[in-house]
Amino acid sequence: MRVGAEWLRKTGLKGKSGAKLVFFAFLIFLLVRGLNHPAVGEAMLAAPFTDVAGHWAAADIELLRTRGIVRGYDDGTFQPEGRVTRAEFTKMLLLALGHGSDVQDLSGVRSRFSDVPADDWSEPYLEAAAEWSLVQGNGAGIFSPGQDIKRVEIAAMLARGLGLGEEKAISLPFSDAGTIPEWGRGFVAAVWRKGLVVGYEDGTFKPMAPTTRGEAAALLGRLMRQLGRAFDLVGEAERVGGPDLVLSVEGQRVAIPIATGAVFFRGGERVSDGALRPLDQVYLVLAGGQAQYVEIRYDDLTGELVGTDPKAGQILLKVKREGAEGGTLWTELTLPLRADTPIFRNGQASELKELQPGDRLYLVLDQSRSEIRVLDATRFDYHGVFGLFSPGSIMFLTDDGALRTMAVAESPVVFLNGKRSEGLTSLKTGDHIGLAVDSQGRVNYVEAER
C-alpha cells in the first residue's frame, strides 16, 4: 500500500474537513425498508444460523436471512446441504425479486395448480409467482410443490424473473450441455451469459440434479446483487470501533448502530467487526435502524500511468496481466475519478494535472461504480542499495554502481516493506531503495525493501 492510502487508513480522514457527523441511520432505514426489503409476514428477523460457519455459501445464506428471504429451521439451523423443493425456491425467488407484497393480496385465493392443497403455506406464493410468469407448472395444472427442484428448472425461473429471452444459439461451455432438455437450453444459456450460473469444477452443469439450499442461496445472492436489491446502504468506513459504524455516504458522515448479532463478511468468509478498517467499502443490510449484515470489500489496482484528462476527471493506465501461456501482457484501462478522490504523489497531496506518464499508480477502487476512490502515484528518480544516513544526507549505491550522497528534505516520507516507517534511521545497509527528489534535488520520498 502506498503512502496516501496508508495515511488515510491510519487517520480515518477523508473528503472535506469539518463535515458534520449526521445520525440519520433510522431515517435511512425508513426510506429504504419499503424499497428494498422483500420479506412479507416475517415479523421477526431470525438469528444467525448455527450450521453455516465455514460453508462456501455462508455470506449469501446470511444475506438472505437478514433480508427475510430465508428463516431456517426451529432448531436454528439452515441445513445448507439439504435439498430445496420447488415450492421453497419459488418463495425465495419471489421475495428476492421484491414481489412479496403480492402474497398478501392473493391470500385466500385458490391456487390454479390442482396439486397444491388449499390453505397450504405455499399457495399464495405459488399463485403470485404464476401471476408474474415465474412458474408455469407442467401444462396440465400440476406443479409438484414438494418435489426437489432441478437446476434446469431454476435456470428457467431465474431467466423469467430477469425478463431474459431464450438464447438457443449460444454454445454452452459445459461438458454435459447435450443433456440439458431442449425446453430449458435457452434459459440456461441466458442465465449463464448473465453470470448467474457457472457450473461445477468438473466442467458439468448437471441440469437434472437437485439443488441444495446453499446452492439456491448463492444463486439468489448473485441475482440480488445484479439487480441492486441486495443492500440498503453502501459507504466507506471512516471510523472503526464502538457501537456504531461511522461511514462516508455521498460525502456525508453517517453513524449506523451495529445490531446485536450482526454478521460481518470479507471475501465470503465470516469475520469479526475488528476486521473492518478505514477506507474499506461496506455494504449494509439494515433492519430496525441497525446494521444486521455487513459485507466488507477493499478493491485495489496497481499500474503505470499513460495519461490524464483533468477536464474529464479520468486517467489512462497500463495494467500488467498474466498471459494465457504464462507471458506478461499489458492492458490499457480508462478509469474515472470521483469528485472527492484524494490524490497523492510521492507522499504529498497532489492534483491530477501534476501526474506524469510513467508514474507508478496504486488505486483504491469503488467497486459499485467502477471509479477511483484513492489515487497514489510514485515516481522514483533513483534506484539502488542503501548505505548510510547522517543528519541531512543519505549515501547509497546506484544500480549502475555509482556511489552517491544526496541531501535530504525535512521530514521525508519513508516506507519499509510496504509500511510507513519512522524515518531514514529505520533503514539498514543493504536495503534496496527507490528515491524521489523534490524541486531542490533533496530526497523527500523513499521506499525500501529488506
Protein backbone atom coordinates (compact mmCIF):
# COMPACT_ATOMS: atom_id res chain seq x y z
CA MET A 1 0.00 0.00 0.00
CA ARG A 2 1.34 3.43 -0.90
CA VAL A 3 1.61 6.41 1.40
CA GLY A 4 -1.72 8.12 0.64
CA ALA A 5 -3.86 5.09 1.27
CA GLU A 6 -1.79 4.21 4.34
CA TRP A 7 -2.19 7.73 5.73
CA LEU A 8 -5.93 7.68 5.14
CA ARG A 9 -6.26 4.29 6.78
CA LYS A 10 -4.36 5.46 9.87
CA THR A 11 -6.19 8.75 10.30
CA GLY A 12 -9.61 7.73 9.06
CA LEU A 13 -9.84 11.19 7.48
CA LYS A 14 -11.30 11.67 4.06
CA GLY A 15 -13.12 14.26 2.00
CA LYS A 16 -13.82 17.82 3.14
CA SER A 17 -12.69 18.72 6.62
CA GLY A 18 -15.26 19.74 9.20
CA ALA A 19 -18.03 17.57 7.79
CA LYS A 20 -20.72 17.07 10.41
CA LEU A 21 -21.41 13.63 11.79
CA VAL A 22 -25.02 13.03 10.84
CA PHE A 23 -27.01 10.49 12.82
CA PHE A 24 -29.78 9.60 10.42
CA ALA A 25 -29.50 5.80 10.30
CA PHE A 26 -33.11 5.37 11.36
CA LEU A 27 -34.29 7.78 8.69
CA ILE A 28 -32.34 5.84 6.08
CA PHE A 29 -33.94 2.67 7.37
CA LEU A 30 -37.42 4.12 6.98
CA LEU A 31 -36.66 5.27 3.46
CA VAL A 32 -35.15 2.04 2.18
CA ARG A 33 -37.22 -0.51 4.06
CA GLY A 34 -40.17 -0.31 1.71
CA LEU A 35 -37.99 -0.12 -1.38
CA ASN A 36 -35.59 -2.99 -0.86
CA HIS A 37 -36.80 -5.33 1.86
CA PRO A 38 -38.67 -8.13 0.10
CA ALA A 39 -39.95 -10.03 3.12
CA VAL A 40 -43.66 -10.13 3.84
CA GLY A 41 -45.12 -11.55 7.02
CA GLU A 42 -41.64 -12.00 8.52
CA ALA A 43 -42.16 -10.05 11.73
CA MET A 44 -39.04 -11.31 13.46
CA LEU A 45 -35.57 -11.47 11.95
CA ALA A 46 -34.15 -14.94 12.50
CA ALA A 47 -30.92 -15.23 14.49
CA PRO A 48 -27.71 -16.13 12.63
CA PHE A 49 -27.75 -19.78 11.62
CA THR A 50 -25.77 -22.17 13.74
CA ASP A 51 -24.61 -24.52 10.96
CA VAL A 52 -23.28 -22.33 8.14
CA ALA A 53 -19.90 -21.26 9.58
CA GLY A 54 -17.21 -22.17 7.05
CA HIS A 55 -19.72 -23.08 4.34
CA TRP A 56 -18.78 -21.77 0.91
CA ALA A 57 -22.18 -20.03 0.57
CA ALA A 58 -22.32 -18.65 4.13
CA ALA A 59 -22.27 -14.99 3.04
CA ASP A 60 -25.20 -15.44 0.65
CA ILE A 61 -27.13 -17.52 3.18
CA GLU A 62 -26.77 -14.84 5.85
CA LEU A 63 -27.57 -12.12 3.32
CA LEU A 64 -30.86 -13.84 2.54
CA ARG A 65 -31.55 -14.35 6.24
CA THR A 66 -31.14 -10.66 7.05
CA ARG A 67 -33.32 -9.85 4.05
CA GLY A 68 -36.08 -12.04 5.48
CA ILE A 69 -35.98 -14.37 2.48
CA VAL A 70 -35.00 -17.48 4.46
CA ARG A 71 -35.65 -18.32 8.11
CA GLY A 72 -34.22 -21.80 8.51
CA TYR A 73 -35.50 -24.39 10.95
CA ASP A 74 -36.80 -24.21 14.50
CA ASP A 75 -33.52 -25.55 15.88
CA GLY A 76 -31.61 -22.55 14.48
CA THR A 77 -30.06 -24.42 11.54
CA PHE A 78 -30.25 -23.73 7.83
CA GLN A 79 -29.07 -27.16 6.62
CA PRO A 80 -27.20 -25.81 3.57
CA GLU A 81 -26.60 -29.28 2.11
CA GLY A 82 -30.26 -30.20 2.32
CA ARG A 83 -32.33 -30.15 -0.83
CA VAL A 84 -34.71 -27.35 -1.73
CA THR A 85 -38.18 -28.04 -3.11
CA ARG A 86 -39.96 -26.36 -5.97
CA ALA A 87 -42.29 -24.54 -3.58
CA GLU A 88 -39.46 -23.40 -1.31
CA PHE A 89 -37.38 -22.00 -4.15
CA THR A 90 -40.41 -20.28 -5.65
CA LYS A 91 -41.00 -18.45 -2.38
CA MET A 92 -37.32 -17.48 -2.11
CA LEU A 93 -37.20 -16.16 -5.68
CA LEU A 94 -40.45 -14.24 -5.33
CA LEU A 95 -39.15 -12.44 -2.24
CA ALA A 96 -35.71 -11.84 -3.75
CA LEU A 97 -37.37 -10.09 -6.70
CA GLY A 98 -39.41 -7.87 -4.37
CA HIS A 99 -42.83 -9.33 -5.17
CA GLY A 100 -43.65 -10.28 -1.59
CA SER A 101 -46.44 -7.72 -1.25
CA ASP A 102 -48.46 -9.65 -3.83
CA VAL A 103 -48.60 -12.64 -1.48
CA GLN A 104 -50.86 -10.80 0.96
CA ASP A 105 -53.09 -9.66 -1.90
CA LEU A 106 -53.53 -13.28 -3.01
CA SER A 107 -54.04 -14.74 0.44
CA GLY A 108 -57.14 -16.94 0.33
CA VAL A 109 -57.17 -17.17 -3.47
CA ARG A 110 -57.37 -20.80 -4.57
CA SER A 111 -54.30 -21.97 -6.45
CA ARG A 112 -54.55 -22.65 -10.16
CA PHE A 113 -52.45 -25.78 -9.58
CA SER A 114 -54.62 -28.76 -8.66
CA ASP A 115 -51.94 -30.48 -6.56
CA VAL A 116 -51.42 -27.54 -4.19
CA PRO A 117 -53.56 -28.15 -1.09
CA ALA A 118 -55.96 -25.43 -0.06
CA ASP A 119 -54.60 -23.23 2.74
CA ASP A 120 -51.11 -24.69 2.29
CA TRP A 121 -48.35 -22.21 3.24
CA SER A 122 -47.10 -22.22 -0.36
CA GLU A 123 -50.45 -21.48 -2.01
CA PRO A 124 -50.26 -17.63 -2.12
CA TYR A 125 -46.58 -17.70 -3.04
CA LEU A 126 -47.13 -20.07 -5.97
CA GLU A 127 -50.12 -18.09 -7.17
CA ALA A 128 -48.17 -14.82 -7.02
CA ALA A 129 -45.27 -16.46 -8.87
CA ALA A 130 -47.66 -17.68 -11.56
CA GLU A 131 -49.11 -14.17 -11.92
CA TRP A 132 -45.57 -12.90 -12.51
CA SER A 133 -44.96 -15.72 -15.05
CA LEU A 134 -42.13 -17.11 -12.94
CA VAL A 135 -43.67 -20.59 -12.88
CA GLN A 136 -45.89 -22.48 -15.28
CA GLY A 137 -46.26 -25.99 -13.91
CA ASN A 138 -46.29 -28.93 -16.30
CA GLY A 139 -49.05 -27.66 -18.55
CA ALA A 140 -51.67 -29.97 -17.03
CA GLY A 141 -52.35 -27.93 -13.91
CA ILE A 142 -49.73 -29.79 -11.86
CA PHE A 143 -46.91 -28.02 -10.01
CA SER A 144 -45.38 -30.72 -7.78
CA PRO A 145 -44.56 -28.29 -4.94
CA GLY A 146 -42.84 -30.87 -2.72
CA GLN A 147 -40.57 -32.21 -5.44
CA ASP A 148 -36.85 -31.35 -5.34
CA ILE A 149 -36.20 -28.56 -7.82
CA LYS A 150 -33.80 -29.33 -10.67
CA ARG A 151 -31.04 -26.99 -11.77
CA VAL A 152 -32.55 -26.53 -15.23
CA GLU A 153 -35.85 -25.54 -13.62
CA ILE A 154 -34.07 -22.93 -11.51
CA ALA A 155 -32.36 -21.57 -14.64
CA ALA A 156 -35.77 -21.14 -16.29
CA MET A 157 -37.22 -19.34 -13.27
CA LEU A 158 -34.22 -17.02 -12.95
CA ALA A 159 -34.40 -16.15 -16.66
CA ARG A 160 -38.11 -15.37 -16.40
CA GLY A 161 -37.52 -13.30 -13.28
CA LEU A 162 -34.96 -11.17 -15.12
CA GLY A 163 -37.11 -10.92 -18.23
CA LEU A 164 -34.43 -12.65 -20.31
CA GLY A 165 -35.25 -14.20 -23.64
CA GLU A 166 -34.08 -17.70 -24.53
CA GLU A 167 -30.66 -17.73 -26.18
CA LYS A 168 -30.63 -21.02 -28.02
CA ALA A 169 -27.87 -20.02 -30.44
CA ILE A 170 -25.23 -19.77 -27.71
CA SER A 171 -22.73 -22.60 -27.42
CA LEU A 172 -22.54 -23.57 -23.76
CA PRO A 173 -19.18 -24.46 -22.14
CA PHE A 174 -20.49 -27.36 -20.06
CA SER A 175 -19.26 -30.84 -20.92
CA ASP A 176 -22.77 -32.23 -20.38
CA ALA A 177 -24.58 -29.47 -22.30
CA GLY A 178 -26.10 -32.16 -24.51
CA THR A 179 -28.10 -33.48 -21.55
CA ILE A 180 -29.93 -30.19 -21.00
CA PRO A 181 -33.57 -30.64 -22.04
CA GLU A 182 -34.43 -28.81 -25.23
CA TRP A 183 -37.07 -26.69 -23.46
CA GLY A 184 -34.50 -25.41 -20.96
CA ARG A 185 -31.41 -24.92 -23.13
CA GLY A 186 -32.18 -21.29 -24.00
CA PHE A 187 -32.87 -20.44 -20.35
CA VAL A 188 -29.60 -21.99 -19.18
CA ALA A 189 -27.73 -20.06 -21.88
CA ALA A 190 -29.39 -16.79 -20.86
CA VAL A 191 -28.53 -17.04 -17.15
CA TRP A 192 -25.03 -18.39 -17.87
CA ARG A 193 -24.37 -15.35 -20.03
CA LYS A 194 -25.53 -13.12 -17.14
CA GLY A 195 -23.08 -14.84 -14.81
CA LEU A 196 -25.74 -16.33 -12.55
CA VAL A 197 -24.81 -19.97 -13.15
CA VAL A 198 -21.23 -21.16 -13.51
CA GLY A 199 -21.41 -24.93 -13.36
CA TYR A 200 -19.21 -27.28 -11.36
CA GLU A 201 -15.44 -27.63 -11.11
CA ASP A 202 -15.52 -30.73 -13.32
CA GLY A 203 -16.99 -28.66 -16.17
CA THR A 204 -20.53 -30.03 -15.89
CA PHE A 205 -23.84 -28.29 -15.33
CA LYS A 206 -25.89 -31.29 -14.17
CA PRO A 207 -29.23 -29.93 -15.39
CA MET A 208 -31.38 -32.67 -13.87
CA ALA A 209 -29.62 -32.74 -10.49
CA PRO A 210 -31.44 -31.49 -7.37
CA THR A 211 -30.30 -28.21 -5.87
CA THR A 212 -29.05 -27.77 -2.32
CA ARG A 213 -30.25 -24.99 -0.09
CA GLY A 214 -26.76 -23.50 -0.11
CA GLU A 215 -26.65 -23.50 -3.92
CA ALA A 216 -30.06 -21.85 -4.07
CA ALA A 217 -28.90 -19.13 -1.67
CA ALA A 218 -25.78 -18.47 -3.75
CA LEU A 219 -27.82 -18.13 -6.94
CA LEU A 220 -30.25 -15.71 -5.34
CA GLY A 221 -27.42 -13.74 -3.75
CA ARG A 222 -25.90 -13.21 -7.22
CA LEU A 223 -29.31 -12.29 -8.59
CA MET A 224 -29.96 -9.66 -5.91
CA ARG A 225 -26.50 -8.14 -6.33
CA GLN A 226 -27.02 -7.83 -10.08
CA LEU A 227 -30.43 -6.23 -9.59
CA GLY A 228 -29.15 -3.84 -6.91
CA ARG A 229 -31.57 -5.33 -4.38
CA ALA A 230 -29.04 -6.85 -2.01
CA PHE A 231 -28.09 -3.85 0.14
CA ASP A 232 -29.72 -0.84 1.72
CA LEU A 233 -26.64 1.32 2.05
CA VAL A 234 -23.11 1.49 0.64
CA GLY A 235 -20.42 3.63 2.23
CA GLU A 236 -16.77 3.88 3.17
CA ALA A 237 -15.55 3.15 6.67
CA GLU A 238 -14.20 6.28 8.34
CA ARG A 239 -14.02 5.27 11.97
CA VAL A 240 -13.93 1.77 13.41
CA GLY A 241 -14.71 0.80 16.97
CA GLY A 242 -17.56 1.42 19.37
CA PRO A 243 -21.24 0.60 18.93
CA ASP A 244 -21.59 2.38 15.58
CA LEU A 245 -20.20 2.15 12.08
CA VAL A 246 -19.12 5.63 11.02
CA LEU A 247 -19.27 5.85 7.24
CA SER A 248 -18.88 8.35 4.46
CA VAL A 249 -22.02 8.16 2.31
CA GLU A 250 -22.30 10.54 -0.62
CA GLY A 251 -19.96 12.98 1.11
CA GLN A 252 -21.80 12.90 4.46
CA ARG A 253 -20.61 11.21 7.63
CA VAL A 254 -23.19 8.76 8.92
CA ALA A 255 -23.29 6.70 12.13
CA ILE A 256 -25.10 3.37 11.84
CA PRO A 257 -25.73 1.40 15.05
CA ILE A 258 -24.49 -2.19 14.91
CA ALA A 259 -27.18 -4.70 15.86
CA THR A 260 -26.53 -7.38 18.42
CA GLY A 261 -25.74 -10.49 16.42
CA ALA A 262 -24.80 -8.55 13.28
CA VAL A 263 -22.70 -10.60 10.87
CA PHE A 264 -19.60 -9.34 9.05
CA PHE A 265 -18.13 -10.94 5.90
CA ARG A 266 -14.97 -10.24 3.95
CA GLY A 267 -14.17 -12.23 0.81
CA GLY A 268 -17.04 -14.61 1.54
CA GLU A 269 -15.70 -15.52 4.99
CA ARG A 270 -17.26 -14.61 8.33
CA VAL A 271 -15.08 -12.16 10.26
CA SER A 272 -15.39 -10.07 13.40
CA ASP A 273 -16.11 -6.35 13.34
CA GLY A 274 -12.42 -5.91 14.14
CA ALA A 275 -11.64 -6.84 10.54
CA LEU A 276 -13.14 -3.54 9.37
CA ARG A 277 -10.56 -0.85 8.61
CA PRO A 278 -10.78 2.76 7.45
CA LEU A 279 -11.16 3.02 3.65
CA ASP A 280 -12.95 -0.33 3.41
CA GLN A 281 -16.16 -0.17 1.43
CA VAL A 282 -19.08 -1.60 3.37
CA TYR A 283 -22.36 -2.89 2.01
CA LEU A 284 -25.11 -2.96 4.63
CA VAL A 285 -28.45 -4.60 5.21
CA LEU A 286 -30.47 -2.59 7.73
CA ALA A 287 -33.34 -3.69 9.93
CA GLY A 288 -34.77 -1.88 12.91
CA GLY A 289 -32.49 1.06 12.08
CA GLN A 290 -29.39 -1.07 12.72
CA ALA A 291 -26.76 -2.82 10.61
CA GLN A 292 -27.63 -6.52 10.52
CA TYR A 293 -25.34 -7.65 7.69
CA VAL A 294 -22.03 -6.03 6.76
CA GLU A 295 -20.12 -7.04 3.65
CA ILE A 296 -16.59 -5.62 3.60
CA ARG A 297 -14.75 -5.02 0.35
CA TYR A 298 -11.43 -3.46 -0.49
CA ASP A 299 -10.54 -3.43 -4.18
CA ASP A 300 -7.21 -2.08 -5.34
CA LEU A 301 -5.14 -1.99 -8.51
CA THR A 302 -1.59 -1.17 -9.49
CA GLY A 303 -0.36 0.05 -12.85
CA GLU A 304 1.59 2.64 -14.79
CA LEU A 305 0.16 5.99 -15.81
CA VAL A 306 -0.18 6.57 -19.55
CA GLY A 307 -2.00 9.90 -19.45
CA THR A 308 -4.55 12.07 -17.67
CA ASP A 309 -7.61 14.02 -18.69
CA PRO A 310 -8.20 16.55 -15.88
CA LYS A 311 -11.23 18.07 -17.61
CA ALA A 312 -12.99 14.69 -17.82
CA GLY A 313 -11.59 13.63 -14.44
CA GLN A 314 -10.12 10.36 -15.66
CA ILE A 315 -6.82 8.60 -16.25
CA LEU A 316 -5.42 6.10 -18.73
CA LEU A 317 -3.17 3.47 -17.23
CA LYS A 318 -1.37 0.27 -18.18
CA VAL A 319 -2.07 -2.80 -16.06
CA LYS A 320 0.12 -5.89 -16.14
CA ARG A 321 -1.76 -9.14 -16.74
CA GLU A 322 -0.62 -12.73 -16.95
CA GLY A 323 -0.88 -14.09 -20.48
CA ALA A 324 -2.62 -17.33 -21.41
CA GLU A 325 0.69 -19.09 -21.98
CA GLY A 326 2.50 -17.67 -18.98
CA GLY A 327 3.81 -14.46 -20.53
CA THR A 328 3.07 -10.90 -19.45
CA LEU A 329 0.52 -8.72 -21.18
CA TRP A 330 -0.15 -5.01 -20.71
CA THR A 331 -3.77 -3.90 -20.84
CA GLU A 332 -4.79 -0.25 -21.07
CA LEU A 333 -7.69 0.93 -18.93
CA THR A 334 -9.51 4.23 -18.69
CA LEU A 335 -10.88 4.88 -15.20
CA PRO A 336 -12.77 7.91 -13.87
CA LEU A 337 -12.07 9.56 -10.51
CA ARG A 338 -14.76 10.59 -8.10
CA ALA A 339 -15.13 14.28 -7.38
CA ASP A 340 -13.73 13.80 -3.87
CA THR A 341 -10.88 11.41 -4.75
CA PRO A 342 -7.72 12.28 -2.77
CA ILE A 343 -4.59 12.29 -4.94
CA PHE A 344 -1.05 11.78 -3.66
CA ARG A 345 2.29 11.87 -5.44
CA ASN A 346 5.46 10.77 -3.69
CA GLY A 347 3.77 11.02 -0.33
CA GLN A 348 2.40 14.54 -0.79
CA ALA A 349 -1.10 15.78 -1.60
CA SER A 350 -1.27 16.47 -5.31
CA GLU A 351 -3.57 17.13 -8.26
CA LEU A 352 -4.39 15.20 -11.39
CA LYS A 353 -2.61 17.72 -13.61
CA GLU A 354 0.65 17.18 -11.70
CA LEU A 355 0.88 13.46 -12.50
CA GLN A 356 3.24 12.37 -15.27
CA PRO A 357 3.25 9.45 -17.72
CA GLY A 358 5.31 6.64 -16.27
CA ASP A 359 4.24 7.28 -12.67
CA ARG A 360 3.59 4.09 -10.74
CA LEU A 361 -0.01 4.05 -9.54
CA TYR A 362 -1.72 2.45 -6.59
CA LEU A 363 -5.51 2.81 -6.84
CA VAL A 364 -8.28 2.07 -4.37
CA LEU A 365 -11.45 1.40 -6.34
CA ASP A 366 -15.15 1.95 -5.79
CA GLN A 367 -16.46 -1.42 -6.91
CA SER A 368 -20.08 -0.32 -7.03
CA ARG A 369 -19.34 2.46 -9.55
CA SER A 370 -16.05 1.40 -11.20
CA GLU A 371 -14.45 4.66 -10.07
CA ILE A 372 -11.19 5.53 -8.31
CA ARG A 373 -11.58 6.30 -4.58
CA VAL A 374 -7.91 6.99 -3.81
CA LEU A 375 -5.04 7.62 -6.24
CA ASP A 376 -1.47 7.20 -5.04
CA ALA A 377 1.32 7.95 -7.54
CA THR A 378 5.04 7.32 -7.16
CA ARG A 379 7.91 8.48 -9.36
CA PHE A 380 11.43 7.29 -8.50
CA ASP A 381 14.40 9.33 -9.63
CA TYR A 382 16.96 6.80 -8.38
CA HIS A 383 17.17 3.12 -7.50
CA GLY A 384 19.93 1.46 -5.56
CA VAL A 385 21.17 -0.04 -2.31
CA PHE A 386 21.13 1.91 0.95
CA GLY A 387 24.49 2.65 2.54
CA LEU A 388 24.50 5.22 5.33
CA PHE A 389 22.39 8.03 6.72
CA SER A 390 23.73 11.03 8.52
CA PRO A 391 21.75 14.11 9.56
CA GLY A 392 20.80 15.94 6.37
CA SER A 393 22.21 13.42 3.84
CA ILE A 394 21.91 9.87 2.57
CA MET A 395 24.56 7.69 0.90
CA PHE A 396 23.60 4.87 -1.46
CA LEU A 397 24.95 2.75 -4.30
CA THR A 398 23.03 3.29 -7.54
CA ASP A 399 22.03 0.44 -9.82
CA ASP A 400 24.82 1.37 -12.22
CA GLY A 401 27.42 1.05 -9.45
CA ALA A 402 27.97 4.73 -8.64
CA LEU A 403 28.23 5.84 -5.01
CA ARG A 404 26.05 8.92 -4.38
CA THR A 405 25.49 11.21 -1.44
CA MET A 406 22.37 13.39 -1.56
CA ALA A 407 20.79 16.00 0.66
CA VAL A 408 17.59 15.01 2.46
CA ALA A 409 14.50 17.20 2.73
CA GLU A 410 12.95 17.93 6.09
CA SER A 411 10.68 15.06 7.26
CA PRO A 412 11.00 12.76 4.21
CA VAL A 413 8.32 10.09 3.73
CA VAL A 414 9.81 6.63 4.22
CA PHE A 415 8.24 3.22 3.63
CA LEU A 416 9.90 -0.05 4.65
CA ASN A 417 8.50 -3.32 3.29
CA GLY A 418 5.26 -1.57 2.37
CA LYS A 419 4.66 0.02 5.78
CA ARG A 420 5.15 3.62 6.87
CA SER A 421 8.41 3.93 8.79
CA GLU A 422 9.64 6.41 11.38
CA GLY A 423 12.28 7.77 9.03
CA LEU A 424 15.63 7.07 7.39
CA THR A 425 17.07 5.88 10.71
CA SER A 426 14.97 2.70 10.33
CA LEU A 427 16.91 1.66 7.20
CA LYS A 428 19.83 -0.74 7.25
CA THR A 429 22.85 -1.08 4.99
CA GLY A 430 21.90 -3.34 2.09
CA ASP A 431 18.22 -2.40 1.90
CA HIS A 432 17.04 -1.97 -1.70
CA ILE A 433 15.62 1.52 -2.14
CA GLY A 434 13.82 3.77 -4.57
CA LEU A 435 14.24 7.53 -4.13
CA ALA A 436 12.34 10.57 -5.28
CA VAL A 437 13.63 14.13 -5.03
CA ASP A 438 11.92 17.50 -4.74
CA SER A 439 12.44 20.58 -6.93
CA GLN A 440 15.62 21.40 -4.99
CA GLY A 441 17.14 17.98 -5.57
CA ARG A 442 16.62 16.81 -1.99
CA VAL A 443 15.38 13.30 -1.19
CA ASN A 444 11.78 13.59 0.01
CA TYR A 445 10.42 10.08 -0.56
CA VAL A 446 11.96 6.62 -0.03
CA GLU A 447 10.60 3.13 -0.48
CA ALA A 448 12.82 0.36 0.90
CA GLU A 449 12.67 -3.44 0.77
CA ARG A 450 14.66 -5.59 3.17
